[in-house]
N, C-alpha and C. Protein backbone atom coordinates (compact mmCIF):
# COMPACT_ATOMS: atom_id res chain seq x y z
N MET A 1 16.83 3.73 12.33
CA MET A 1 16.57 3.78 13.53
C MET A 1 17.03 2.29 13.75
N VAL A 2 17.88 2.48 15.11
CA VAL A 2 18.08 1.12 15.83
C VAL A 2 16.82 0.67 17.03
N TRP A 3 16.32 -0.11 16.40
CA TRP A 3 14.67 -0.98 17.39
C TRP A 3 15.66 -0.90 18.65
N GLY A 4 16.41 -1.37 19.16
CA GLY A 4 17.25 -1.98 20.58
C GLY A 4 17.68 -0.89 21.03
N ASN A 5 17.69 0.15 20.53
CA ASN A 5 18.52 1.15 21.46
C ASN A 5 17.12 2.39 21.67
N ARG A 6 15.99 2.20 21.25
CA ARG A 6 15.13 3.31 21.58
C ARG A 6 14.40 3.37 23.04
N ASP A 7 14.39 4.58 23.72
CA ASP A 7 14.00 4.83 24.94
C ASP A 7 12.68 5.26 24.92
N ALA A 8 12.16 4.97 25.80
CA ALA A 8 10.63 5.53 26.25
C ALA A 8 9.62 6.40 25.56
N GLY A 9 10.68 7.74 25.37
CA GLY A 9 10.48 9.27 24.97
C GLY A 9 9.86 8.79 23.15
N ASP A 10 11.31 7.98 22.77
CA ASP A 10 11.35 8.22 21.15
C ASP A 10 9.57 7.17 21.17
N HIS A 11 9.44 6.00 22.27
CA HIS A 11 7.97 5.21 21.81
C HIS A 11 7.11 5.98 21.51
N ASN A 12 6.71 6.86 23.03
CA ASN A 12 5.60 7.75 23.09
C ASN A 12 5.44 8.76 22.05
N GLN A 13 6.42 9.37 21.25
CA GLN A 13 6.42 10.25 20.22
C GLN A 13 6.24 9.60 19.18
N ALA A 14 6.66 8.27 18.70
CA ALA A 14 6.23 7.72 17.64
C ALA A 14 4.48 6.86 17.56
N ASP A 15 3.99 6.60 18.69
CA ASP A 15 2.83 6.55 18.84
C ASP A 15 1.77 7.67 18.65
N GLU A 16 2.14 8.82 19.03
CA GLU A 16 1.52 10.19 18.85
C GLU A 16 1.31 10.50 17.24
N ASP A 17 2.61 10.07 16.54
CA ASP A 17 2.74 10.78 14.86
C ASP A 17 2.06 9.73 14.19
N CYS A 18 1.84 8.69 15.07
CA CYS A 18 1.08 7.50 13.68
C CYS A 18 -0.60 7.88 14.14
N ASP A 19 -0.88 8.09 13.15
CA ASP A 19 -2.53 8.66 12.63
C ASP A 19 -3.13 7.19 11.83
N ASP A 20 -3.60 6.47 12.04
CA ASP A 20 -4.00 5.37 10.92
C ASP A 20 -5.40 5.61 10.83
N GLY A 21 -6.47 6.59 11.24
CA GLY A 21 -7.58 6.14 11.26
C GLY A 21 -8.43 5.44 11.54
N ASP A 22 -8.30 4.70 12.44
CA ASP A 22 -8.82 3.56 12.90
C ASP A 22 -9.55 4.21 14.43
N ASN A 23 -10.10 5.11 14.09
CA ASN A 23 -11.05 5.70 15.59
C ASN A 23 -12.20 5.62 14.84
N ILE A 24 -13.00 4.74 15.74
CA ILE A 24 -14.30 4.53 15.53
C ILE A 24 -15.24 5.24 16.39
N GLY A 25 -16.31 5.79 15.75
CA GLY A 25 -17.16 6.63 16.68
C GLY A 25 -17.46 8.12 16.54
N ASP A 26 -17.97 8.77 16.98
CA ASP A 26 -18.23 10.11 17.08
C ASP A 26 -17.14 11.01 18.06
N ASP A 27 -16.51 10.23 19.23
CA ASP A 27 -16.07 10.54 20.11
C ASP A 27 -14.51 11.65 19.66
N ASP A 28 -14.21 12.72 20.35
CA ASP A 28 -13.01 13.04 20.00
C ASP A 28 -12.02 12.52 20.24
N ASP A 29 -12.15 11.33 21.22
CA ASP A 29 -10.53 10.80 21.55
C ASP A 29 -9.71 10.44 20.32
N SER A 30 -8.71 11.14 20.15
CA SER A 30 -7.82 10.31 19.21
C SER A 30 -7.12 9.35 19.56
N HIS A 31 -7.14 9.19 20.76
CA HIS A 31 -5.89 8.27 21.40
C HIS A 31 -7.02 7.28 21.80
N THR A 32 -7.14 6.08 20.92
CA THR A 32 -8.18 5.23 21.62
C THR A 32 -7.70 4.11 22.23
N ARG A 33 -7.85 3.89 23.17
CA ARG A 33 -6.98 2.36 23.74
C ARG A 33 -7.79 1.30 23.16
N TYR A 34 -6.83 0.22 22.66
CA TYR A 34 -7.95 -1.26 22.36
C TYR A 34 -7.53 -2.10 23.23
N ILE A 35 -8.72 -3.26 23.36
CA ILE A 35 -8.91 -4.07 24.14
C ILE A 35 -8.59 -5.39 23.93
N SER A 36 -7.70 -6.32 24.44
CA SER A 36 -7.13 -7.49 24.16
C SER A 36 -8.22 -8.15 24.03
N GLY A 37 -8.04 -9.43 23.88
CA GLY A 37 -8.80 -10.79 23.96
C GLY A 37 -10.27 -10.73 23.07
N PRO A 38 -11.13 -11.58 22.99
CA PRO A 38 -11.94 -11.87 21.75
C PRO A 38 -13.16 -10.98 21.73
N LEU A 39 -13.70 -11.03 20.49
CA LEU A 39 -14.95 -10.01 20.29
C LEU A 39 -15.85 -10.62 20.71
N SER A 40 -17.06 -9.56 21.58
CA SER A 40 -17.88 -10.09 21.97
C SER A 40 -18.59 -10.45 21.06
N GLU A 41 -20.41 -11.46 21.46
CA GLU A 41 -21.21 -11.65 20.61
C GLU A 41 -21.88 -10.81 19.59
N GLU A 42 -22.13 -9.53 20.61
CA GLU A 42 -22.10 -8.35 19.49
C GLU A 42 -21.31 -7.65 18.92
N ALA A 43 -20.30 -7.67 19.01
CA ALA A 43 -19.22 -7.53 18.33
C ALA A 43 -19.13 -8.57 16.98
N GLN A 44 -19.10 -9.88 16.88
CA GLN A 44 -18.98 -10.70 16.08
C GLN A 44 -20.55 -10.52 15.32
N GLU A 45 -21.50 -9.99 15.63
CA GLU A 45 -22.47 -10.19 14.67
C GLU A 45 -22.19 -9.24 13.87
N ALA A 46 -22.06 -7.70 14.29
CA ALA A 46 -21.84 -6.60 13.56
C ALA A 46 -20.45 -6.89 12.56
N VAL A 47 -19.41 -7.44 12.55
CA VAL A 47 -18.60 -7.95 12.15
C VAL A 47 -18.89 -8.80 10.86
N ARG A 48 -19.96 -10.11 11.06
CA ARG A 48 -20.39 -10.94 10.33
C ARG A 48 -21.46 -9.75 9.20
N LYS A 49 -22.38 -8.96 9.80
CA LYS A 49 -23.53 -7.95 8.90
C LYS A 49 -22.39 -7.21 8.14
N LEU A 50 -21.37 -6.48 8.56
CA LEU A 50 -20.37 -5.64 7.75
C LEU A 50 -19.99 -6.96 6.28
N GLY A 51 -19.43 -7.98 6.63
CA GLY A 51 -18.79 -8.89 5.63
C GLY A 51 -19.94 -9.13 4.86
N GLU A 52 -21.05 -9.71 5.63
CA GLU A 52 -22.37 -9.63 4.33
C GLU A 52 -22.56 -8.71 3.45
N ASP A 53 -22.72 -7.67 3.99
CA ASP A 53 -23.20 -6.09 3.53
C ASP A 53 -21.98 -6.20 2.41
N THR A 54 -20.57 -6.25 2.64
CA THR A 54 -19.47 -5.69 1.81
C THR A 54 -19.64 -6.78 0.21
N LYS A 55 -19.83 -8.18 0.97
CA LYS A 55 -20.05 -9.31 -0.09
C LYS A 55 -21.04 -8.98 -1.06
N ALA A 56 -22.45 -8.25 -0.55
CA ALA A 56 -23.28 -8.14 -1.83
C ALA A 56 -23.24 -6.96 -1.94
N ARG A 57 -22.72 -5.89 -2.05
CA ARG A 57 -22.11 -4.40 -2.41
C ARG A 57 -21.14 -4.76 -3.60
N ALA A 58 -20.44 -5.97 -2.98
CA ALA A 58 -19.51 -6.74 -4.85
C ALA A 58 -20.07 -7.17 -5.59
N ASP A 59 -21.09 -8.11 -5.00
CA ASP A 59 -21.57 -8.42 -6.01
C ASP A 59 -22.55 -8.11 -6.84
N HIS A 60 -23.18 -6.65 -6.44
CA HIS A 60 -23.80 -6.10 -7.50
C HIS A 60 -23.37 -5.06 -8.10
N LEU A 61 -21.80 -4.86 -7.67
CA LEU A 61 -20.80 -3.49 -8.64
C LEU A 61 -20.49 -4.45 -9.64
N ALA A 62 -20.00 -5.96 -9.41
CA ALA A 62 -19.79 -7.34 -10.41
C ALA A 62 -20.81 -7.39 -11.52
N ARG A 63 -22.15 -7.22 -11.04
CA ARG A 63 -22.98 -7.82 -12.05
C ARG A 63 -23.32 -6.32 -12.74
N LYS A 64 -22.96 -5.32 -12.06
CA LYS A 64 -23.23 -3.95 -12.96
C LYS A 64 -22.09 -3.48 -14.38
N TYR A 65 -20.77 -4.08 -13.81
CA TYR A 65 -19.72 -3.60 -14.22
C TYR A 65 -19.13 -5.01 -15.14
N ARG A 66 -20.10 -6.14 -15.17
CA ARG A 66 -19.91 -7.49 -15.72
C ARG A 66 -18.04 -7.72 -15.59
N LYS A 67 -17.79 -8.12 -14.20
CA LYS A 67 -16.65 -8.21 -13.53
C LYS A 67 -16.69 -9.34 -12.41
N SER A 68 -15.83 -9.88 -11.91
CA SER A 68 -16.00 -10.72 -11.04
C SER A 68 -16.17 -10.15 -9.58
N PRO A 69 -16.84 -10.73 -8.97
CA PRO A 69 -16.52 -9.86 -7.42
C PRO A 69 -15.64 -9.90 -7.03
N ASN A 70 -14.61 -11.22 -6.84
CA ASN A 70 -13.58 -11.13 -7.18
C ASN A 70 -12.28 -9.89 -7.14
N SER A 71 -12.44 -9.54 -8.28
CA SER A 71 -11.65 -8.31 -9.07
C SER A 71 -12.21 -7.08 -8.31
N ILE A 72 -13.77 -6.84 -7.66
CA ILE A 72 -13.71 -5.78 -7.39
C ILE A 72 -13.58 -5.97 -5.89
N MET A 73 -13.83 -6.75 -5.44
CA MET A 73 -13.08 -7.24 -4.07
C MET A 73 -11.28 -6.48 -4.33
N ARG A 74 -11.03 -6.92 -4.78
CA ARG A 74 -8.95 -6.76 -4.75
C ARG A 74 -9.23 -5.29 -5.23
N MET A 75 -9.97 -4.85 -6.41
CA MET A 75 -10.20 -3.71 -6.74
C MET A 75 -9.90 -2.54 -5.32
N ALA A 76 -11.24 -2.74 -4.38
CA ALA A 76 -10.87 -2.19 -3.44
C ALA A 76 -10.51 -2.03 -2.10
N GLY A 77 -9.26 -3.20 -2.42
CA GLY A 77 -8.30 -3.32 -1.38
C GLY A 77 -8.93 -4.24 -0.62
N LEU A 78 -10.01 -5.18 -0.78
CA LEU A 78 -10.71 -5.81 0.32
C LEU A 78 -9.73 -7.26 0.07
N ALA A 79 -9.03 -7.52 -0.72
CA ALA A 79 -8.80 -9.09 -1.17
C ALA A 79 -7.27 -9.06 -2.02
N ILE A 80 -6.74 -10.45 -1.90
CA ILE A 80 -5.43 -10.14 -2.84
C ILE A 80 -5.72 -10.77 -3.79
N GLN A 81 -4.57 -11.06 -4.79
CA GLN A 81 -4.46 -11.79 -5.74
C GLN A 81 -3.49 -12.75 -5.79
N ASN A 82 -3.90 -13.91 -5.74
CA ASN A 82 -3.18 -15.14 -6.11
C ASN A 82 -2.05 -15.41 -6.78
N SER A 83 -0.29 -15.37 -6.60
CA SER A 83 0.72 -15.50 -7.71
C SER A 83 0.33 -16.52 -8.58
N ARG A 84 0.83 -16.40 -9.43
CA ARG A 84 0.65 -17.72 -10.62
C ARG A 84 1.73 -18.41 -10.24
N GLN A 85 2.97 -18.34 -9.57
CA GLN A 85 3.83 -19.00 -9.33
C GLN A 85 3.85 -19.37 -7.67
N ARG A 86 4.44 -20.47 -7.29
CA ARG A 86 4.54 -20.48 -5.63
C ARG A 86 6.06 -19.45 -5.64
N GLN A 87 6.00 -18.90 -4.19
CA GLN A 87 7.25 -18.17 -3.78
C GLN A 87 8.33 -18.66 -3.81
N ASN A 88 9.20 -18.02 -4.58
CA ASN A 88 10.90 -19.02 -4.27
C ASN A 88 11.16 -18.27 -2.99
N ILE A 89 11.60 -19.18 -2.17
CA ILE A 89 12.29 -19.27 -1.04
C ILE A 89 14.01 -18.62 -1.16
N ALA A 90 14.44 -18.80 -2.24
CA ALA A 90 15.72 -17.68 -2.18
C ALA A 90 15.68 -16.61 -2.65
N ASN A 91 14.16 -16.32 -3.11
CA ASN A 91 14.10 -14.80 -3.50
C ASN A 91 13.93 -14.14 -1.92
N LYS A 92 13.04 -15.03 -1.08
CA LYS A 92 12.50 -14.36 0.21
C LYS A 92 13.81 -14.27 1.20
N HIS A 93 14.63 -14.81 1.20
CA HIS A 93 16.12 -15.05 1.49
C HIS A 93 16.70 -13.68 1.05
N LYS A 94 16.81 -13.70 0.00
CA LYS A 94 17.48 -12.74 -0.41
C LYS A 94 17.03 -10.91 -0.06
N THR A 95 15.68 -11.18 -0.06
CA THR A 95 15.09 -9.83 0.05
C THR A 95 14.99 -9.49 1.75
N TRP A 96 14.96 -10.74 2.58
CA TRP A 96 15.23 -10.98 4.26
C TRP A 96 16.93 -10.22 4.14
N TYR A 97 17.83 -10.80 3.59
CA TYR A 97 19.15 -10.49 3.91
C TYR A 97 19.66 -9.02 3.31
N SER A 98 18.84 -8.90 2.49
CA SER A 98 19.38 -7.55 1.79
C SER A 98 18.64 -6.24 2.93
N ASN A 99 17.37 -6.81 3.62
CA ASN A 99 17.04 -5.75 4.15
C ASN A 99 17.60 -5.59 5.52
N LEU A 100 17.84 -6.87 6.05
CA LEU A 100 18.87 -6.76 7.22
C LEU A 100 20.33 -6.24 7.33
N HIS A 101 21.08 -6.55 6.03
CA HIS A 101 22.18 -6.26 5.57
C HIS A 101 22.40 -5.47 4.52
N PRO A 102 22.52 -4.10 4.78
CA PRO A 102 22.39 -3.15 3.54
C PRO A 102 23.40 -3.02 3.16
N ARG A 103 24.13 -3.22 1.65
CA ARG A 103 25.38 -2.51 1.35
C ARG A 103 25.91 -0.97 2.01
N PRO A 104 27.36 -1.31 2.38
CA PRO A 104 27.86 0.08 2.50
C PRO A 104 27.64 0.82 1.37
N THR A 105 27.68 2.22 1.40
CA THR A 105 27.58 3.30 0.64
C THR A 105 29.30 3.84 0.43
N THR A 106 29.44 3.57 -0.60
CA THR A 106 31.28 3.81 -1.11
C THR A 106 31.25 5.32 -1.32
N SER A 107 31.85 6.22 -1.38
CA SER A 107 32.14 7.80 -1.69
C SER A 107 33.39 7.41 -2.44
N GLN A 108 33.45 7.91 -3.94
CA GLN A 108 34.57 8.12 -4.63
C GLN A 108 34.54 9.48 -5.73
C-alpha cells in the first residue's frame, strides 16, 4: 500500500477494521474517540494507582516463584530487556533501507 495515494474512503475502512481492544468501560460504543492533551488529576491518580498495584503484584509473584520482579514484568509484557550490546547504527540503516527499498522479484 502506498501511503501518499490513499483516499479518505480507505482511511475510514482501515479505522473500522482496527480493533485494538482499548475500549475501556461498559459502554457498547465500539468507536471511542480519544481526547488530546494532558490527563486530569483524577486520571493521573488512577494511573499511579494502577502502577503501584501492578508493581505490588509483580513483587508478590517474584517472591512466590523466586524470580526477579523485572523478569516477571518482562514476561507479562510490561517491561523490555536491555540488549547486551549497543545497537549498531549500520544494522539500523540496513534494516531501514531494506524496508524502504525492497529487492525486485525476478522470475526465471
